[in-house]
Amino acid sequence: MSIEEWQEMFSVIFSASLRHLSLEEVAAHLMEELGEASDAMVRMYSYKAEIQYGEPGRRQLRLESQLADLFSWLFALVGKLNLREEEGLNCERPNGTVSSGPEPIRLSDIIWRRYGSEDLHAFYCPFCEHAVCSCLLLFVPATAPSEELLKKISGYGR
C-alpha cells in the first residue's frame, strides 16, 4: 500500500474516535508512543554482557509493535488535523459563500519534501545526498563506558 492508502485506511478506522478526542489528546498519545518507541529502540541496541536466549527476538518484536503504534497515532494526528480543517473551514460564511479550505495534509507530501529529489526522481539521504545512504553510523551500547565511545569517534573520520 502507498502512504496515501495507509493514511486513508487509518482515517476510516479512527474517524469516529477522532471526532470525540481533542487535538491535545491525540498529540499527547502520539508523544507517549514516541517515548515507548524510543525506549524500545534503545533496548533493542543495548545489551548487558549476558544475553538470554531469545532476548534479541523479543526486543525486536517489541520495537516493531511500538513503531506500529507510533505510526498509527501519527496517522491519527494527521486525520484529526484534517477533520478540524474540514469541520472548521467547510462552513458557510456570513456572506453566504462556502469556504472549502486548504488541501488536506498528506504525509506523502511531507516525506517527499524532506527526502525526495526531483533531480534523482527518487528518495535520498539529506545528509550524504545519495539515493542509498552512505553515512557512517556508530552503534555503541548504552552500557559502554564513555572512553569506548570516544575511541570510536576519534577513529570515525579516518
N, C-alpha and C. Protein backbone atom coordinates (compact mmCIF):
# COMPACT_ATOMS: atom_id res chain seq x y z
N MET A 1 0.84 -1.19 0.00
CA MET A 1 0.00 0.00 0.00
C MET A 1 0.88 1.24 0.00
N SER A 2 0.40 2.29 -0.60
CA SER A 2 1.12 3.57 -0.59
C SER A 2 0.83 4.29 0.73
N ILE A 3 1.61 5.30 1.02
CA ILE A 3 1.39 6.09 2.23
C ILE A 3 0.00 6.71 2.20
N GLU A 4 -0.42 7.17 1.03
CA GLU A 4 -1.75 7.77 0.93
C GLU A 4 -2.85 6.74 1.21
N GLU A 5 -2.64 5.49 0.76
CA GLU A 5 -3.63 4.44 1.04
C GLU A 5 -3.65 4.12 2.54
N TRP A 6 -2.47 4.09 3.17
CA TRP A 6 -2.41 3.88 4.61
C TRP A 6 -3.13 5.02 5.33
N GLN A 7 -2.88 6.24 4.89
CA GLN A 7 -3.50 7.40 5.53
C GLN A 7 -5.01 7.32 5.41
N GLU A 8 -5.50 6.94 4.25
CA GLU A 8 -6.95 6.81 4.05
C GLU A 8 -7.50 5.69 4.94
N MET A 9 -6.80 4.55 4.99
CA MET A 9 -7.26 3.43 5.81
C MET A 9 -7.37 3.83 7.28
N PHE A 10 -6.32 4.49 7.82
CA PHE A 10 -6.36 4.91 9.21
C PHE A 10 -7.40 6.00 9.43
N SER A 11 -7.63 6.82 8.44
CA SER A 11 -8.67 7.84 8.55
C SER A 11 -10.04 7.18 8.75
N VAL A 12 -10.29 6.14 7.99
CA VAL A 12 -11.56 5.41 8.13
C VAL A 12 -11.63 4.73 9.49
N ILE A 13 -10.54 4.06 9.89
CA ILE A 13 -10.52 3.33 11.16
C ILE A 13 -10.75 4.27 12.34
N PHE A 14 -10.07 5.42 12.35
CA PHE A 14 -10.08 6.31 13.50
C PHE A 14 -11.14 7.41 13.44
N SER A 15 -11.83 7.58 12.33
CA SER A 15 -12.68 8.76 12.17
C SER A 15 -13.70 8.93 13.29
N ALA A 16 -14.38 7.88 13.71
CA ALA A 16 -15.39 8.01 14.77
C ALA A 16 -14.73 8.41 16.08
N SER A 17 -13.61 7.78 16.41
CA SER A 17 -12.92 8.10 17.66
C SER A 17 -12.34 9.51 17.64
N LEU A 18 -11.81 9.91 16.48
CA LEU A 18 -11.18 11.23 16.39
C LEU A 18 -12.16 12.37 16.60
N ARG A 19 -13.40 12.14 16.28
CA ARG A 19 -14.40 13.20 16.49
C ARG A 19 -14.62 13.46 17.97
N HIS A 20 -14.31 12.46 18.82
CA HIS A 20 -14.53 12.60 20.27
C HIS A 20 -13.27 12.98 21.02
N LEU A 21 -12.11 12.86 20.39
CA LEU A 21 -10.85 13.21 21.04
C LEU A 21 -10.42 14.62 20.64
N SER A 22 -9.83 15.32 21.59
CA SER A 22 -9.31 16.65 21.26
C SER A 22 -7.97 16.48 20.56
N LEU A 23 -7.55 17.53 19.88
CA LEU A 23 -6.24 17.53 19.23
C LEU A 23 -5.15 17.30 20.28
N GLU A 24 -5.30 17.89 21.45
CA GLU A 24 -4.33 17.74 22.52
C GLU A 24 -4.23 16.29 22.97
N GLU A 25 -5.36 15.59 23.06
CA GLU A 25 -5.35 14.19 23.48
C GLU A 25 -4.65 13.31 22.45
N VAL A 26 -4.92 13.57 21.18
CA VAL A 26 -4.28 12.79 20.12
C VAL A 26 -2.78 13.06 20.12
N ALA A 27 -2.39 14.32 20.24
CA ALA A 27 -0.97 14.68 20.24
C ALA A 27 -0.26 14.08 21.46
N ALA A 28 -0.91 14.10 22.62
CA ALA A 28 -0.31 13.53 23.83
C ALA A 28 -0.12 12.02 23.67
N HIS A 29 -1.10 11.35 23.07
CA HIS A 29 -0.96 9.91 22.86
C HIS A 29 0.17 9.62 21.87
N LEU A 30 0.28 10.44 20.84
CA LEU A 30 1.39 10.28 19.89
C LEU A 30 2.73 10.44 20.61
N MET A 31 2.84 11.42 21.48
CA MET A 31 4.09 11.65 22.22
C MET A 31 4.39 10.47 23.16
N GLU A 32 3.36 9.91 23.77
CA GLU A 32 3.54 8.73 24.62
C GLU A 32 4.10 7.57 23.79
N GLU A 33 3.53 7.35 22.61
CA GLU A 33 4.01 6.28 21.74
C GLU A 33 5.43 6.55 21.25
N LEU A 34 5.77 7.81 21.03
CA LEU A 34 7.12 8.16 20.63
C LEU A 34 8.11 7.78 21.74
N GLY A 35 7.75 8.06 22.97
CA GLY A 35 8.60 7.68 24.10
C GLY A 35 8.75 6.18 24.20
N GLU A 36 7.66 5.43 24.02
CA GLU A 36 7.73 3.97 24.09
C GLU A 36 8.57 3.40 22.95
N ALA A 37 8.44 3.97 21.76
CA ALA A 37 9.24 3.51 20.61
C ALA A 37 10.72 3.83 20.84
N SER A 38 11.00 5.00 21.39
CA SER A 38 12.39 5.38 21.69
C SER A 38 12.99 4.42 22.71
N ASP A 39 12.23 4.10 23.75
CA ASP A 39 12.71 3.17 24.76
C ASP A 39 12.97 1.79 24.13
N ALA A 40 12.07 1.32 23.30
CA ALA A 40 12.24 0.02 22.64
C ALA A 40 13.47 0.02 21.73
N MET A 41 13.73 1.16 21.07
CA MET A 41 14.88 1.24 20.18
C MET A 41 16.18 1.19 20.99
N VAL A 42 16.23 1.92 22.09
CA VAL A 42 17.43 1.90 22.93
C VAL A 42 17.65 0.49 23.45
N ARG A 43 16.59 -0.16 23.90
CA ARG A 43 16.72 -1.51 24.45
C ARG A 43 17.05 -2.54 23.36
N MET A 44 16.67 -2.26 22.13
CA MET A 44 16.98 -3.18 21.04
C MET A 44 18.49 -3.21 20.78
N TYR A 45 19.14 -2.08 20.92
CA TYR A 45 20.54 -1.98 20.53
C TYR A 45 21.51 -1.85 21.70
N SER A 46 21.05 -2.06 22.93
CA SER A 46 21.96 -2.01 24.06
C SER A 46 21.70 -3.24 24.95
N TYR A 47 22.76 -3.98 25.20
CA TYR A 47 22.68 -5.21 25.98
C TYR A 47 23.72 -5.21 27.08
N LYS A 48 23.44 -5.93 28.14
CA LYS A 48 24.45 -6.20 29.16
C LYS A 48 25.31 -7.33 28.62
N ALA A 49 26.34 -7.67 29.34
CA ALA A 49 27.27 -8.70 28.88
C ALA A 49 26.58 -10.04 28.64
N GLU A 50 25.61 -10.40 29.48
CA GLU A 50 24.93 -11.68 29.30
C GLU A 50 23.57 -11.46 28.62
N ILE A 51 23.38 -12.15 27.50
CA ILE A 51 22.12 -12.05 26.75
C ILE A 51 21.41 -13.38 26.90
N GLN A 52 20.15 -13.33 27.31
CA GLN A 52 19.38 -14.55 27.48
C GLN A 52 18.86 -15.04 26.13
N TYR A 53 18.69 -16.35 26.03
CA TYR A 53 18.19 -16.97 24.81
C TYR A 53 16.85 -16.33 24.41
N GLY A 54 16.74 -15.94 23.16
CA GLY A 54 15.50 -15.37 22.63
C GLY A 54 15.31 -13.89 22.89
N GLU A 55 16.18 -13.31 23.69
CA GLU A 55 16.02 -11.89 24.05
C GLU A 55 16.06 -10.96 22.84
N PRO A 56 17.03 -11.09 21.93
CA PRO A 56 17.02 -10.19 20.76
C PRO A 56 15.72 -10.27 19.96
N GLY A 57 15.18 -11.45 19.79
CA GLY A 57 13.91 -11.59 19.06
C GLY A 57 12.76 -10.91 19.78
N ARG A 58 12.70 -11.08 21.09
CA ARG A 58 11.63 -10.41 21.86
C ARG A 58 11.76 -8.90 21.79
N ARG A 59 12.99 -8.43 21.86
CA ARG A 59 13.21 -6.98 21.77
C ARG A 59 12.82 -6.45 20.40
N GLN A 60 13.13 -7.23 19.36
CA GLN A 60 12.76 -6.79 18.01
C GLN A 60 11.24 -6.74 17.86
N LEU A 61 10.54 -7.75 18.37
CA LEU A 61 9.08 -7.74 18.31
C LEU A 61 8.50 -6.55 19.06
N ARG A 62 9.08 -6.23 20.21
CA ARG A 62 8.61 -5.06 20.98
C ARG A 62 8.83 -3.78 20.19
N LEU A 63 10.01 -3.65 19.59
CA LEU A 63 10.30 -2.46 18.78
C LEU A 63 9.31 -2.35 17.62
N GLU A 64 9.09 -3.44 16.92
CA GLU A 64 8.15 -3.43 15.79
C GLU A 64 6.75 -3.03 16.25
N SER A 65 6.32 -3.57 17.38
CA SER A 65 4.99 -3.25 17.91
C SER A 65 4.89 -1.78 18.29
N GLN A 66 5.93 -1.26 18.93
CA GLN A 66 5.92 0.15 19.32
C GLN A 66 5.95 1.07 18.11
N LEU A 67 6.72 0.70 17.08
CA LEU A 67 6.74 1.51 15.86
C LEU A 67 5.37 1.49 15.17
N ALA A 68 4.71 0.34 15.17
CA ALA A 68 3.37 0.27 14.59
C ALA A 68 2.40 1.18 15.35
N ASP A 69 2.47 1.15 16.67
CA ASP A 69 1.62 2.04 17.48
C ASP A 69 1.93 3.50 17.19
N LEU A 70 3.22 3.82 17.11
CA LEU A 70 3.64 5.19 16.84
C LEU A 70 3.07 5.68 15.50
N PHE A 71 3.22 4.87 14.46
CA PHE A 71 2.73 5.30 13.16
C PHE A 71 1.21 5.36 13.10
N SER A 72 0.52 4.47 13.82
CA SER A 72 -0.93 4.56 13.81
C SER A 72 -1.39 5.87 14.44
N TRP A 73 -0.70 6.31 15.50
CA TRP A 73 -1.07 7.58 16.12
C TRP A 73 -0.61 8.78 15.30
N LEU A 74 0.45 8.62 14.53
CA LEU A 74 0.84 9.69 13.61
C LEU A 74 -0.25 9.88 12.56
N PHE A 75 -0.73 8.77 12.00
CA PHE A 75 -1.83 8.86 11.04
C PHE A 75 -3.09 9.44 11.70
N ALA A 76 -3.31 9.08 12.98
CA ALA A 76 -4.46 9.61 13.70
C ALA A 76 -4.34 11.12 13.87
N LEU A 77 -3.14 11.60 14.19
CA LEU A 77 -2.94 13.04 14.35
C LEU A 77 -3.23 13.78 13.05
N VAL A 78 -2.70 13.26 11.95
CA VAL A 78 -2.96 13.90 10.65
C VAL A 78 -4.46 13.85 10.35
N GLY A 79 -5.09 12.72 10.66
CA GLY A 79 -6.54 12.61 10.47
C GLY A 79 -7.30 13.64 11.28
N LYS A 80 -6.88 13.85 12.53
CA LYS A 80 -7.54 14.84 13.39
C LYS A 80 -7.34 16.25 12.84
N LEU A 81 -6.13 16.55 12.39
CA LEU A 81 -5.88 17.87 11.80
C LEU A 81 -6.75 18.08 10.57
N ASN A 82 -6.87 17.06 9.74
CA ASN A 82 -7.72 17.18 8.55
C ASN A 82 -9.19 17.30 8.92
N LEU A 83 -9.63 16.60 9.97
CA LEU A 83 -11.02 16.72 10.43
C LEU A 83 -11.29 18.14 10.92
N ARG A 84 -10.34 18.69 11.66
CA ARG A 84 -10.52 20.06 12.16
C ARG A 84 -10.63 21.05 11.01
N GLU A 85 -9.80 20.86 10.00
CA GLU A 85 -9.87 21.73 8.82
C GLU A 85 -11.23 21.60 8.16
N GLU A 86 -11.66 20.34 8.02
CA GLU A 86 -12.95 20.05 7.38
C GLU A 86 -14.09 20.70 8.16
N GLU A 87 -14.10 20.48 9.45
CA GLU A 87 -15.17 20.99 10.30
C GLU A 87 -15.13 22.51 10.44
N GLY A 88 -13.91 23.06 10.52
CA GLY A 88 -13.77 24.49 10.75
C GLY A 88 -13.86 25.34 9.50
N LEU A 89 -13.42 24.83 8.36
CA LEU A 89 -13.36 25.65 7.15
C LEU A 89 -14.45 25.36 6.14
N ASN A 90 -15.04 24.20 6.20
CA ASN A 90 -16.13 23.90 5.27
C ASN A 90 -17.44 24.36 5.88
N CYS A 91 -17.54 25.65 6.07
CA CYS A 91 -18.74 26.20 6.69
C CYS A 91 -19.18 27.44 5.91
N GLU A 92 -20.41 27.79 6.14
CA GLU A 92 -20.97 28.94 5.44
C GLU A 92 -20.44 30.22 6.06
N ARG A 93 -20.00 31.13 5.20
CA ARG A 93 -19.52 32.43 5.66
C ARG A 93 -20.71 33.37 5.81
N PRO A 94 -20.51 34.47 6.50
CA PRO A 94 -21.62 35.42 6.69
C PRO A 94 -22.23 35.92 5.38
N ASN A 95 -21.43 35.99 4.31
CA ASN A 95 -21.97 36.49 3.04
C ASN A 95 -22.67 35.39 2.23
N GLY A 96 -22.76 34.17 2.80
CA GLY A 96 -23.49 33.09 2.12
C GLY A 96 -22.61 32.17 1.28
N THR A 97 -21.34 32.51 1.10
CA THR A 97 -20.45 31.62 0.33
C THR A 97 -19.92 30.52 1.25
N VAL A 98 -19.42 29.45 0.66
CA VAL A 98 -18.89 28.33 1.43
C VAL A 98 -17.38 28.30 1.28
N SER A 99 -16.72 28.17 2.42
CA SER A 99 -15.25 28.07 2.44
C SER A 99 -14.87 26.61 2.24
N SER A 100 -14.00 26.35 1.28
CA SER A 100 -13.56 24.97 1.06
C SER A 100 -12.26 24.66 1.78
N GLY A 101 -11.52 25.65 2.22
CA GLY A 101 -10.30 25.42 2.97
C GLY A 101 -9.17 24.88 2.13
N PRO A 102 -8.02 24.68 2.76
CA PRO A 102 -6.84 24.18 2.04
C PRO A 102 -6.97 22.69 1.75
N GLU A 103 -6.04 22.20 0.94
CA GLU A 103 -5.98 20.77 0.65
C GLU A 103 -5.68 20.02 1.95
N PRO A 104 -6.14 18.79 2.06
CA PRO A 104 -5.83 18.03 3.27
C PRO A 104 -4.32 17.76 3.39
N ILE A 105 -3.86 17.57 4.61
CA ILE A 105 -2.46 17.25 4.86
C ILE A 105 -2.22 15.83 4.38
N ARG A 106 -1.16 15.65 3.61
CA ARG A 106 -0.79 14.31 3.11
C ARG A 106 0.63 14.01 3.56
N LEU A 107 0.78 12.92 4.31
CA LEU A 107 2.10 12.54 4.80
C LEU A 107 3.06 12.28 3.65
N SER A 108 2.56 11.77 2.54
CA SER A 108 3.44 11.50 1.39
C SER A 108 4.09 12.79 0.89
N ASP A 109 3.35 13.90 0.92
CA ASP A 109 3.93 15.19 0.50
C ASP A 109 5.01 15.66 1.48
N ILE A 110 4.76 15.47 2.76
CA ILE A 110 5.72 15.89 3.78
C ILE A 110 7.01 15.08 3.63
N ILE A 111 6.88 13.77 3.45
CA ILE A 111 8.05 12.90 3.30
C ILE A 111 8.82 13.24 2.03
N TRP A 112 8.10 13.48 0.94
CA TRP A 112 8.79 13.81 -0.32
C TRP A 112 9.56 15.13 -0.19
N ARG A 113 8.93 16.14 0.46
CA ARG A 113 9.62 17.42 0.63
C ARG A 113 10.91 17.25 1.43
N ARG A 114 10.93 16.32 2.36
CA ARG A 114 12.12 16.12 3.21
C ARG A 114 13.16 15.21 2.56
N TYR A 115 12.70 14.13 1.92
CA TYR A 115 13.62 13.10 1.45
C TYR A 115 13.57 12.86 -0.06
N GLY A 116 12.76 13.58 -0.78
CA GLY A 116 12.64 13.36 -2.21
C GLY A 116 13.53 14.28 -3.02
N SER A 117 13.98 13.78 -4.16
CA SER A 117 14.83 14.57 -5.04
C SER A 117 14.22 14.57 -6.44
N GLU A 118 13.88 15.75 -6.92
CA GLU A 118 13.37 15.86 -8.28
C GLU A 118 14.45 15.49 -9.29
N ASP A 119 15.71 15.84 -8.98
CA ASP A 119 16.82 15.52 -9.88
C ASP A 119 17.04 14.01 -9.99
N LEU A 120 16.97 13.30 -8.85
CA LEU A 120 17.19 11.85 -8.84
C LEU A 120 15.92 11.08 -9.18
N HIS A 121 14.77 11.74 -9.09
CA HIS A 121 13.46 11.09 -9.23
C HIS A 121 13.33 9.95 -8.23
N ALA A 122 13.85 10.18 -7.03
CA ALA A 122 13.84 9.15 -6.00
C ALA A 122 14.05 9.80 -4.64
N PHE A 123 13.96 8.98 -3.62
CA PHE A 123 14.30 9.44 -2.28
C PHE A 123 15.81 9.44 -2.11
N TYR A 124 16.30 10.24 -1.16
CA TYR A 124 17.73 10.30 -0.91
C TYR A 124 17.97 10.67 0.55
N CYS A 125 19.20 10.42 1.00
CA CYS A 125 19.59 10.79 2.36
C CYS A 125 19.91 12.29 2.35
N PRO A 126 19.26 13.08 3.19
CA PRO A 126 19.52 14.52 3.19
C PRO A 126 20.89 14.90 3.76
N PHE A 127 21.61 13.95 4.34
CA PHE A 127 22.91 14.24 4.93
C PHE A 127 24.04 13.97 3.94
N CYS A 128 24.07 12.75 3.38
CA CYS A 128 25.15 12.43 2.42
C CYS A 128 24.70 12.70 0.98
N GLU A 129 23.40 12.92 0.78
CA GLU A 129 22.79 13.25 -0.51
C GLU A 129 22.92 12.15 -1.55
N HIS A 130 22.95 10.89 -1.11
CA HIS A 130 22.95 9.74 -2.01
C HIS A 130 21.61 9.02 -1.94
N ALA A 131 21.22 8.36 -3.03
CA ALA A 131 19.98 7.60 -3.04
C ALA A 131 20.07 6.43 -2.05
N VAL A 132 21.23 5.85 -1.91
CA VAL A 132 21.49 4.83 -0.89
C VAL A 132 22.43 5.48 0.12
N CYS A 133 21.95 5.63 1.35
CA CYS A 133 22.72 6.34 2.38
C CYS A 133 24.10 5.72 2.56
N SER A 134 25.10 6.59 2.56
CA SER A 134 26.47 6.13 2.79
C SER A 134 27.06 6.77 4.05
N CYS A 135 26.19 7.31 4.91
CA CYS A 135 26.64 7.91 6.17
C CYS A 135 27.23 6.82 7.06
N LEU A 136 28.30 7.18 7.76
CA LEU A 136 28.88 6.26 8.72
C LEU A 136 28.07 6.33 10.01
N LEU A 137 27.69 5.17 10.53
CA LEU A 137 26.91 5.11 11.76
C LEU A 137 27.70 4.40 12.84
N LEU A 138 27.60 4.91 14.05
CA LEU A 138 28.24 4.29 15.20
C LEU A 138 27.16 3.73 16.12
N PHE A 139 27.25 2.46 16.45
CA PHE A 139 26.34 1.86 17.41
C PHE A 139 27.14 1.50 18.65
N VAL A 140 26.85 2.17 19.74
CA VAL A 140 27.55 1.94 20.99
C VAL A 140 26.49 1.60 22.02
N PRO A 141 26.60 0.44 22.69
CA PRO A 141 25.61 0.10 23.72
C PRO A 141 25.56 1.17 24.80
N ALA A 142 24.37 1.37 25.36
CA ALA A 142 24.19 2.38 26.40
C ALA A 142 25.03 2.08 27.63
N THR A 143 25.40 0.81 27.81
CA THR A 143 26.18 0.43 28.99
C THR A 143 27.68 0.55 28.76
N ALA A 144 28.09 0.92 27.55
CA ALA A 144 29.53 1.04 27.24
C ALA A 144 30.11 2.26 27.95
N PRO A 145 31.35 2.16 28.39
CA PRO A 145 31.99 3.32 29.03
C PRO A 145 32.20 4.46 28.02
N SER A 146 32.23 5.67 28.53
CA SER A 146 32.42 6.85 27.69
C SER A 146 33.70 6.77 26.88
N GLU A 147 34.74 6.16 27.47
CA GLU A 147 36.02 6.05 26.77
C GLU A 147 35.87 5.26 25.47
N GLU A 148 35.01 4.22 25.50
CA GLU A 148 34.80 3.41 24.29
C GLU A 148 34.18 4.26 23.18
N LEU A 149 33.21 5.08 23.54
CA LEU A 149 32.58 5.98 22.57
C LEU A 149 33.60 6.97 22.02
N LEU A 150 34.43 7.53 22.88
CA LEU A 150 35.44 8.49 22.43
C LEU A 150 36.44 7.84 21.49
N LYS A 151 36.82 6.58 21.76
CA LYS A 151 37.73 5.87 20.87
C LYS A 151 37.11 5.68 19.50
N LYS A 152 35.84 5.32 19.48
CA LYS A 152 35.16 5.10 18.20
C LYS A 152 35.03 6.40 17.42
N ILE A 153 34.71 7.48 18.12
CA ILE A 153 34.54 8.77 17.47
C ILE A 153 35.87 9.28 16.93
N SER A 154 36.95 9.10 17.69
CA SER A 154 38.25 9.61 17.25
C SER A 154 38.70 8.91 15.98
N GLY A 155 38.29 7.67 15.74
CA GLY A 155 38.65 6.96 14.52
C GLY A 155 37.60 7.09 13.44
N TYR A 156 36.54 7.85 13.70
CA TYR A 156 35.39 7.98 12.81
C TYR A 156 35.76 8.59 11.46
N GLY A 157 36.52 9.65 11.46
CA GLY A 157 36.82 10.36 10.20
C GLY A 157 37.99 9.80 9.43
N ARG A 158 38.65 8.78 9.95
CA ARG A 158 39.86 8.27 9.32
C ARG A 158 39.57 7.22 8.30
